[in-house]
Amino acid sequence: MEGGLPPDYVLYQMQPFEIEIAISGLHLKHKELWETTRLLMYAIVQVNSKQKLDPKDVLSLPWDDEALSLIHISEPTRLALIS
């Protein structure tokens, strides 16, 4: 398995719910490399642009939207921030 787990462990010892969790996280394995690529592209494009850009404008990645959905502010905290 590309996720770093030995095949015999995956085939004979893991429970079905563990396999599902392992597979769902595979797309994050190369996240750091993609972030590095995005920052490199951003640096190159920003030097040659007159507009102020954001790295997410240069290269949108699948986990950008996930980060926003994970941020959750409780109702009392949100009300305290408003007032």
PDB file of N, CA and C in Angstrom:
ATOM      1  N   MET A   1       0.849  -1.189   0.000  1.00  0.00           N
ATOM      2  CA  MET A   1       0.000   0.000   0.000  1.00  0.00           C
ATOM      3  C   MET A   1       0.883   1.237   0.000  1.00  0.00           C
ATOM      4  N   GLU A   2       0.523   2.190  -0.778  1.00  0.00           N
ATOM      5  CA  GLU A   2       1.316   3.396  -0.924  1.00  0.00           C
ATOM      6  C   GLU A   2       1.319   4.259   0.339  1.00  0.00           C
ATOM      7  N   GLY A   3       0.459   3.998   1.265  1.00  0.00           N
ATOM      8  CA  GLY A   3       0.350   4.804   2.470  1.00  0.00           C
ATOM      9  C   GLY A   3       1.393   4.512   3.521  1.00  0.00           C
ATOM     10  N   GLY A   4       2.335   3.630   3.237  1.00  0.00           N
ATOM     11  CA  GLY A   4       3.395   3.352   4.189  1.00  0.00           C
ATOM     12  C   GLY A   4       3.111   2.172   5.106  1.00  0.00           C
ATOM     13  N   LEU A   5       2.029   1.479   4.888  1.00  0.00           N
ATOM     14  CA  LEU A   5       1.692   0.318   5.708  1.00  0.00           C
ATOM     15  C   LEU A   5       2.118  -0.957   4.990  1.00  0.00           C
ATOM     16  N   PRO A   6       2.649  -1.927   5.744  1.00  0.00           N
ATOM     17  CA  PRO A   6       3.028  -3.190   5.107  1.00  0.00           C
ATOM     18  C   PRO A   6       1.799  -3.925   4.564  1.00  0.00           C
ATOM     19  N   PRO A   7       1.904  -4.525   3.388  1.00  0.00           N
ATOM     20  CA  PRO A   7       0.753  -5.212   2.783  1.00  0.00           C
ATOM     21  C   PRO A   7       0.173  -6.322   3.655  1.00  0.00           C
ATOM     22  N   ASP A   8       1.022  -7.087   4.345  1.00  0.00           N
ATOM     23  CA  ASP A   8       0.486  -8.173   5.170  1.00  0.00           C
ATOM     24  C   ASP A   8      -0.327  -7.634   6.344  1.00  0.00           C
ATOM     25  N   TYR A   9       0.060  -6.473   6.869  1.00  0.00           N
ATOM     26  CA  TYR A   9      -0.716  -5.861   7.947  1.00  0.00           C
ATOM     27  C   TYR A   9      -2.083  -5.422   7.430  1.00  0.00           C
ATOM     28  N   VAL A  10      -2.082  -4.819   6.252  1.00  0.00           N
ATOM     29  CA  VAL A  10      -3.343  -4.342   5.674  1.00  0.00           C
ATOM     30  C   VAL A  10      -4.272  -5.515   5.348  1.00  0.00           C
ATOM     31  N   LEU A  11      -3.718  -6.575   4.777  1.00  0.00           N
ATOM     32  CA  LEU A  11      -4.542  -7.700   4.348  1.00  0.00           C
ATOM     33  C   LEU A  11      -5.049  -8.567   5.485  1.00  0.00           C
ATOM     34  N   TYR A  12      -4.240  -8.751   6.521  1.00  0.00           N
ATOM     35  CA  TYR A  12      -4.588  -9.759   7.521  1.00  0.00           C
ATOM     36  C   TYR A  12      -4.896  -9.227   8.915  1.00  0.00           C
ATOM     37  N   GLN A  13      -4.487  -8.014   9.229  1.00  0.00           N
ATOM     38  CA  GLN A  13      -4.665  -7.538  10.598  1.00  0.00           C
ATOM     39  C   GLN A  13      -5.608  -6.342  10.736  1.00  0.00           C
ATOM     40  N   MET A  14      -5.732  -5.542   9.695  1.00  0.00           N
ATOM     41  CA  MET A  14      -6.566  -4.341   9.789  1.00  0.00           C
ATOM     42  C   MET A  14      -8.043  -4.689   9.710  1.00  0.00           C
ATOM     43  N   GLN A  15      -8.826  -3.921  10.436  1.00  0.00           N
ATOM     44  CA  GLN A  15     -10.275  -4.028  10.370  1.00  0.00           C
ATOM     45  C   GLN A  15     -10.762  -3.201   9.177  1.00  0.00           C
ATOM     46  N   PRO A  16     -11.938  -3.519   8.641  1.00  0.00           N
ATOM     47  CA  PRO A  16     -12.437  -2.769   7.477  1.00  0.00           C
ATOM     48  C   PRO A  16     -12.518  -1.251   7.693  1.00  0.00           C
ATOM     49  N   PHE A  17     -12.908  -0.821   8.893  1.00  0.00           N
ATOM     50  CA  PHE A  17     -13.012   0.628   9.123  1.00  0.00           C
ATOM     51  C   PHE A  17     -11.627   1.278   9.130  1.00  0.00           C
ATOM     52  N   GLU A  18     -10.596   0.546   9.530  1.00  0.00           N
ATOM     53  CA  GLU A  18      -9.238   1.085   9.516  1.00  0.00           C
ATOM     54  C   GLU A  18      -8.722   1.246   8.086  1.00  0.00           C
ATOM     55  N   ILE A  19      -9.085   0.309   7.227  1.00  0.00           N
ATOM     56  CA  ILE A  19      -8.672   0.389   5.821  1.00  0.00           C
ATOM     57  C   ILE A  19      -9.301   1.615   5.170  1.00  0.00           C
ATOM     58  N   GLU A  20     -10.560   1.861   5.475  1.00  0.00           N
ATOM     59  CA  GLU A  20     -11.250   3.026   4.912  1.00  0.00           C
ATOM     60  C   GLU A  20     -10.571   4.329   5.350  1.00  0.00           C
ATOM     61  N   ILE A  21     -10.188   4.411   6.614  1.00  0.00           N
ATOM     62  CA  ILE A  21      -9.509   5.603   7.128  1.00  0.00           C
ATOM     63  C   ILE A  21      -8.152   5.778   6.445  1.00  0.00           C
ATOM     64  N   ALA A  22      -7.413   4.674   6.300  1.00  0.00           N
ATOM     65  CA  ALA A  22      -6.095   4.746   5.662  1.00  0.00           C
ATOM     66  C   ALA A  22      -6.208   5.202   4.209  1.00  0.00           C
ATOM     67  N   ILE A  23      -7.181   4.697   3.496  1.00  0.00           N
ATOM     68  CA  ILE A  23      -7.353   5.061   2.086  1.00  0.00           C
ATOM     69  C   ILE A  23      -7.809   6.514   1.948  1.00  0.00           C
ATOM     70  N   SER A  24      -8.674   6.971   2.853  1.00  0.00           N
ATOM     71  CA  SER A  24      -9.173   8.345   2.750  1.00  0.00           C
ATOM     72  C   SER A  24      -8.072   9.379   2.993  1.00  0.00           C
ATOM     73  N   GLY A  25      -6.996   8.990   3.681  1.00  0.00           N
ATOM     74  CA  GLY A  25      -5.910   9.925   3.941  1.00  0.00           C
ATOM     75  C   GLY A  25      -4.763   9.856   2.952  1.00  0.00           C
ATOM     76  N   LEU A  26      -4.853   8.988   1.955  1.00  0.00           N
ATOM     77  CA  LEU A  26      -3.752   8.838   1.000  1.00  0.00           C
ATOM     78  C   LEU A  26      -3.478  10.105   0.195  1.00  0.00           C
ATOM     79  N   HIS A  27      -4.521  10.861  -0.097  1.00  0.00           N
ATOM     80  CA  HIS A  27      -4.310  12.058  -0.911  1.00  0.00           C
ATOM     81  C   HIS A  27      -3.497  13.118  -0.170  1.00  0.00           C
ATOM     82  N   LEU A  28      -3.364  12.980   1.161  1.00  0.00           N
ATOM     83  CA  LEU A  28      -2.601  13.944   1.934  1.00  0.00           C
ATOM     84  C   LEU A  28      -1.124  13.554   2.061  1.00  0.00           C
ATOM     85  N   LYS A  29      -0.750  12.409   1.530  1.00  0.00           N
ATOM     86  CA  LYS A  29       0.619  11.923   1.678  1.00  0.00           C
ATOM     87  C   LYS A  29       1.626  12.900   1.077  1.00  0.00           C
ATOM     88  N   HIS A  30       1.301  13.462  -0.044  1.00  0.00           N
ATOM     89  CA  HIS A  30       2.227  14.351  -0.732  1.00  0.00           C
ATOM     90  C   HIS A  30       1.835  15.821  -0.555  1.00  0.00           C
ATOM     91  N   LYS A  31       1.118  16.119   0.498  1.00  0.00           N
ATOM     92  CA  LYS A  31       0.622  17.475   0.727  1.00  0.00           C
ATOM     93  C   LYS A  31       1.772  18.484   0.842  1.00  0.00           C
ATOM     94  N   GLU A  32       2.813  18.139   1.570  1.00  0.00           N
ATOM     95  CA  GLU A  32       3.933  19.057   1.756  1.00  0.00           C
ATOM     96  C   GLU A  32       4.621  19.377   0.426  1.00  0.00           C
ATOM     97  N   LEU A  33       4.766  18.373  -0.425  1.00  0.00           N
ATOM     98  CA  LEU A  33       5.375  18.614  -1.733  1.00  0.00           C
ATOM     99  C   LEU A  33       4.513  19.527  -2.597  1.00  0.00           C
ATOM    100  N   TRP A  34       3.200  19.339  -2.538  1.00  0.00           N
ATOM    101  CA  TRP A  34       2.305  20.203  -3.306  1.00  0.00           C
ATOM    102  C   TRP A  34       2.326  21.629  -2.772  1.00  0.00           C
ATOM    103  N   GLU A  35       2.404  21.780  -1.444  1.00  0.00           N
ATOM    104  CA  GLU A  35       2.476  23.128  -0.859  1.00  0.00           C
ATOM    105  C   GLU A  35       3.771  23.819  -1.277  1.00  0.00           C
ATOM    106  N   THR A  36       4.874  23.082  -1.315  1.00  0.00           N
ATOM    107  CA  THR A  36       6.151  23.635  -1.765  1.00  0.00           C
ATOM    108  C   THR A  36       6.063  24.060  -3.224  1.00  0.00           C
ATOM    109  N   THR A  37       5.440  23.234  -4.048  1.00  0.00           N
ATOM    110  CA  THR A  37       5.261  23.568  -5.454  1.00  0.00           C
ATOM    111  C   THR A  37       4.426  24.830  -5.609  1.00  0.00           C
ATOM    112  N   ARG A  38       3.364  24.934  -4.814  1.00  0.00           N
ATOM    113  CA  ARG A  38       2.510  26.117  -4.899  1.00  0.00           C
ATOM    114  C   ARG A  38       3.276  27.375  -4.514  1.00  0.00           C
ATOM    115  N   LEU A  39       4.083  27.312  -3.449  1.00  0.00           N
ATOM    116  CA  LEU A  39       4.841  28.488  -3.024  1.00  0.00           C
ATOM    117  C   LEU A  39       5.906  28.870  -4.043  1.00  0.00           C
ATOM    118  N   LEU A  40       6.527  27.890  -4.671  1.00  0.00           N
ATOM    119  CA  LEU A  40       7.506  28.169  -5.714  1.00  0.00           C
ATOM    120  C   LEU A  40       6.832  28.850  -6.908  1.00  0.00           C
ATOM    121  N   MET A  41       5.684  28.320  -7.318  1.00  0.00           N
ATOM    122  CA  MET A  41       4.940  28.936  -8.423  1.00  0.00           C
ATOM    123  C   MET A  41       4.511  30.352  -8.059  1.00  0.00           C
ATOM    124  N   TYR A  42       4.061  30.542  -6.818  1.00  0.00           N
ATOM    125  CA  TYR A  42       3.627  31.857  -6.351  1.00  0.00           C
ATOM    126  C   TYR A  42       4.776  32.865  -6.421  1.00  0.00           C
ATOM    127  N   ALA A  43       5.966  32.444  -5.970  1.00  0.00           N
ATOM    128  CA  ALA A  43       7.116  33.351  -5.993  1.00  0.00           C
ATOM    129  C   ALA A  43       7.460  33.773  -7.421  1.00  0.00           C
ATOM    130  N   ILE A  44       7.412  32.834  -8.339  1.00  0.00           N
ATOM    131  CA  ILE A  44       7.731  33.140  -9.726  1.00  0.00           C
ATOM    132  C   ILE A  44       6.677  34.060 -10.347  1.00  0.00           C
ATOM    133  N   VAL A  45       5.411  33.762 -10.104  1.00  0.00           N
ATOM    134  CA  VAL A  45       4.332  34.552 -10.698  1.00  0.00           C
ATOM    135  C   VAL A  45       4.249  35.931 -10.052  1.00  0.00           C
ATOM    136  N   GLN A  46       4.434  36.028  -8.737  1.00  0.00           N
ATOM    137  CA  GLN A  46       4.298  37.312  -8.056  1.00  0.00           C
ATOM    138  C   GLN A  46       5.373  38.302  -8.499  1.00  0.00           C
ATOM    139  N   VAL A  47       6.584  37.817  -8.739  1.00  0.00           N
ATOM    140  CA  VAL A  47       7.663  38.695  -9.203  1.00  0.00           C
ATOM    141  C   VAL A  47       7.319  39.314 -10.552  1.00  0.00           C
ATOM    142  N   ASN A  48       6.605  38.578 -11.372  1.00  0.00           N
ATOM    143  CA  ASN A  48       6.288  39.042 -12.718  1.00  0.00           C
ATOM    144  C   ASN A  48       4.892  39.643 -12.846  1.00  0.00           C
ATOM    145  N   SER A  49       4.230  39.893 -11.722  1.00  0.00           N
ATOM    146  CA  SER A  49       2.867  40.418 -11.762  1.00  0.00           C
ATOM    147  C   SER A  49       2.798  41.768 -11.061  1.00  0.00           C
ATOM    148  N   LYS A  50       1.940  42.643 -11.577  1.00  0.00           N
ATOM    149  CA  LYS A  50       1.712  43.925 -10.920  1.00  0.00           C
ATOM    150  C   LYS A  50       0.628  43.829  -9.862  1.00  0.00           C
ATOM    151  N   GLN A  51      -0.164  42.765  -9.907  1.00  0.00           N
ATOM    152  CA  GLN A  51      -1.247  42.571  -8.943  1.00  0.00           C
ATOM    153  C   GLN A  51      -0.724  41.865  -7.701  1.00  0.00           C
ATOM    154  N   LYS A  52      -1.383  42.101  -6.567  1.00  0.00           N
ATOM    155  CA  LYS A  52      -1.066  41.380  -5.345  1.00  0.00           C
ATOM    156  C   LYS A  52      -1.802  40.046  -5.402  1.00  0.00           C
ATOM    157  N   LEU A  53      -1.059  38.957  -5.411  1.00  0.00           N
ATOM    158  CA  LEU A  53      -1.639  37.624  -5.533  1.00  0.00           C
ATOM    159  C   LEU A  53      -1.549  36.873  -4.215  1.00  0.00           C
ATOM    160  N   ASP A  54      -2.325  35.839  -4.123  1.00  0.00           N
ATOM    161  CA  ASP A  54      -2.311  34.916  -2.994  1.00  0.00           C
ATOM    162  C   ASP A  54      -1.850  33.564  -3.542  1.00  0.00           C
ATOM    163  N   PRO A  55      -1.111  32.772  -2.765  1.00  0.00           N
ATOM    164  CA  PRO A  55      -0.702  31.454  -3.276  1.00  0.00           C
ATOM    165  C   PRO A  55      -1.879  30.598  -3.746  1.00  0.00           C
ATOM    166  N   LYS A  56      -3.037  30.750  -3.119  1.00  0.00           N
ATOM    167  CA  LYS A  56      -4.211  29.980  -3.528  1.00  0.00           C
ATOM    168  C   LYS A  56      -4.755  30.443  -4.877  1.00  0.00           C
ATOM    169  N   ASP A  57      -4.452  31.679  -5.260  1.00  0.00           N
ATOM    170  CA  ASP A  57      -4.856  32.161  -6.583  1.00  0.00           C
ATOM    171  C   ASP A  57      -4.024  31.506  -7.681  1.00  0.00           C
ATOM    172  N   VAL A  58      -2.781  31.206  -7.374  1.00  0.00           N
ATOM    173  CA  VAL A  58      -1.862  30.636  -8.353  1.00  0.00           C
ATOM    174  C   VAL A  58      -2.152  29.158  -8.571  1.00  0.00           C
ATOM    175  N   LEU A  59      -2.354  28.424  -7.478  1.00  0.00           N
ATOM    176  CA  LEU A  59      -2.614  26.988  -7.579  1.00  0.00           C
ATOM    177  C   LEU A  59      -3.587  26.589  -6.476  1.00  0.00           C
ATOM    178  N   SER A  60      -4.775  26.214  -6.864  1.00  0.00           N
ATOM    179  CA  SER A  60      -5.788  25.760  -5.915  1.00  0.00           C
ATOM    180  C   SER A  60      -5.603  24.265  -5.674  1.00  0.00           C
ATOM    181  N   LEU A  61      -5.592  23.865  -4.397  1.00  0.00           N
ATOM    182  CA  LEU A  61      -5.410  22.461  -4.032  1.00  0.00           C
ATOM    183  C   LEU A  61      -6.663  21.933  -3.341  1.00  0.00           C
ATOM    184  N   PRO A  62      -6.901  20.631  -3.418  1.00  0.00           N
ATOM    185  CA  PRO A  62      -8.147  20.059  -2.876  1.00  0.00           C
ATOM    186  C   PRO A  62      -8.374  20.320  -1.398  1.00  0.00           C
ATOM    187  N   TRP A  63      -7.321  20.423  -0.612  1.00  0.00           N
ATOM    188  CA  TRP A  63      -7.504  20.574   0.830  1.00  0.00           C
ATOM    189  C   TRP A  63      -7.675  22.024   1.255  1.00  0.00           C
ATOM    190  N   ASP A  64      -7.657  22.971   0.347  1.00  0.00           N
ATOM    191  CA  ASP A  64      -7.891  24.368   0.706  1.00  0.00           C
ATOM    192  C   ASP A  64      -9.294  24.554   1.282  1.00  0.00           C
ATOM    193  N   ASP A  65     -10.288  23.934   0.660  1.00  0.00           N
ATOM    194  CA  ASP A  65     -11.665  24.049   1.138  1.00  0.00           C
ATOM    195  C   ASP A  65     -11.868  23.278   2.431  1.00  0.00           C
ATOM    196  N   GLU A  66     -11.134  22.175   2.617  1.00  0.00           N
ATOM    197  CA  GLU A  66     -11.252  21.379   3.841  1.00  0.00           C
ATOM    198  C   GLU A  66     -10.804  22.181   5.054  1.00  0.00           C
ATOM    199  N   ALA A  67      -9.776  22.998   4.901  1.00  0.00           N
ATOM    200  CA  ALA A  67      -9.272  23.781   6.023  1.00  0.00           C
ATOM    201  C   ALA A  67     -10.335  24.757   6.520  1.00  0.00           C
ATOM    202  N   LEU A  68     -11.088  25.342   5.595  1.00  0.00           N
ATOM    203  CA  LEU A  68     -12.146  26.265   5.992  1.00  0.00           C
ATOM    204  C   LEU A  68     -13.278  25.549   6.712  1.00  0.00           C
ATOM    205  N   SER A  69     -13.593  24.337   6.288  1.00  0.00           N
ATOM    206  CA  SER A  69     -14.689  23.613   6.917  1.00  0.00           C
ATOM    207  C   SER A  69     -14.307  23.072   8.292  1.00  0.00           C
ATOM    208  N   LEU A  70     -13.003  22.911   8.558  1.00  0.00           N
ATOM    209  CA  LEU A  70     -12.567  22.412   9.862  1.00  0.00           C
ATOM    210  C   LEU A  70     -12.570  23.500  10.931  1.00  0.00           C
ATOM    211  N   ILE A  71     -12.497  24.756  10.496  1.00  0.00           N
ATOM    212  CA  ILE A  71     -12.502  25.847  11.459  1.00  0.00           C
ATOM    213  C   ILE A  71     -13.937  26.050  11.933  1.00  0.00           C
ATOM    214  N   HIS A  72     -14.135  25.877  13.230  1.00  0.00           N
ATOM    215  CA  HIS A  72     -15.474  26.012  13.785  1.00  0.00           C
ATOM    216  C   HIS A  72     -15.380  26.851  15.049  1.00  0.00           C
ATOM    217  N   ILE A  73     -16.123  27.934  15.072  1.00  0.00           N
ATOM    218  CA  ILE A  73     -16.158  28.788  16.257  1.00  0.00           C
ATOM    219  C   ILE A  73     -17.487  28.556  16.948  1.00  0.00           C
ATOM    220  N   SER A  74     -17.417  28.270  18.242  1.00  0.00           N
ATOM    221  CA  SER A  74     -18.653  28.026  18.985  1.00  0.00           C
ATOM    222  C   SER A  74     -19.484  29.304  19.051  1.00  0.00           C
ATOM    223  N   GLU A  75     -20.757  29.154  19.275  1.00  0.00           N
ATOM    224  CA  GLU A  75     -21.684  30.293  19.291  1.00  0.00           C
ATOM    225  C   GLU A  75     -21.302  31.345  20.341  1.00  0.00           C
ATOM    226  N   PRO A  76     -21.011  30.989  21.600  1.00  0.00           N
ATOM    227  CA  PRO A  76     -20.622  32.018  22.570  1.00  0.00           C
ATOM    228  C   PRO A  76     -19.341  32.765  22.155  1.00  0.00           C
ATOM    229  N   THR A  77     -18.379  32.039  21.601  1.00  0.00           N
ATOM    230  CA  THR A  77     -17.143  32.685  21.168  1.00  0.00           C
ATOM    231  C   THR A  77     -17.417  33.614  20.011  1.00  0.00           C
ATOM    232  N   ARG A  78     -18.258  33.202  19.081  1.00  0.00           N
ATOM    233  CA  ARG A  78     -18.583  34.043  17.932  1.00  0.00           C
ATOM    234  C   ARG A  78     -19.285  35.318  18.386  1.00  0.00           C
ATOM    235  N   LEU A  79     -20.219  35.191  19.343  1.00  0.00           N
ATOM    236  CA  LEU A  79     -20.918  36.370  19.844  1.00  0.00           C
ATOM    237  C   LEU A  79     -19.982  37.313  20.594  1.00  0.00           C
ATOM    238  N   ALA A  80     -19.016  36.735  21.303  1.00  0.00           N
ATOM    239  CA  ALA A  80     -18.045  37.568  22.012  1.00  0.00           C
ATOM    240  C   ALA A  80     -17.155  38.339  21.037  1.00  0.00           C
ATOM    241  N   LEU A  81     -16.838  37.711  19.903  1.00  0.00           N
ATOM    242  CA  LEU A  81     -16.015  38.384  18.908  1.00  0.00           C
ATOM    243  C   LEU A  81     -16.769  39.512  18.215  1.00  0.00           C
ATOM    244  N   ILE A  82     -18.074  39.345  18.066  1.00  0.00           N
ATOM    245  CA  ILE A  82     -18.889  40.372  17.395  1.00  0.00           C
ATOM    246  C   ILE A  82     -19.029  41.604  18.277  1.00  0.00           C
ATOM    247  N   SER A  83     -19.236  41.398  19.566  1.00  0.00           N
ATOM    248  CA  SER A  83     -19.487  42.551  20.457  1.00  0.00           C
ATOM    249  C   SER A  83     -18.233  43.202  20.950  1.00  0.00           C
TER     250      SER A  83
END
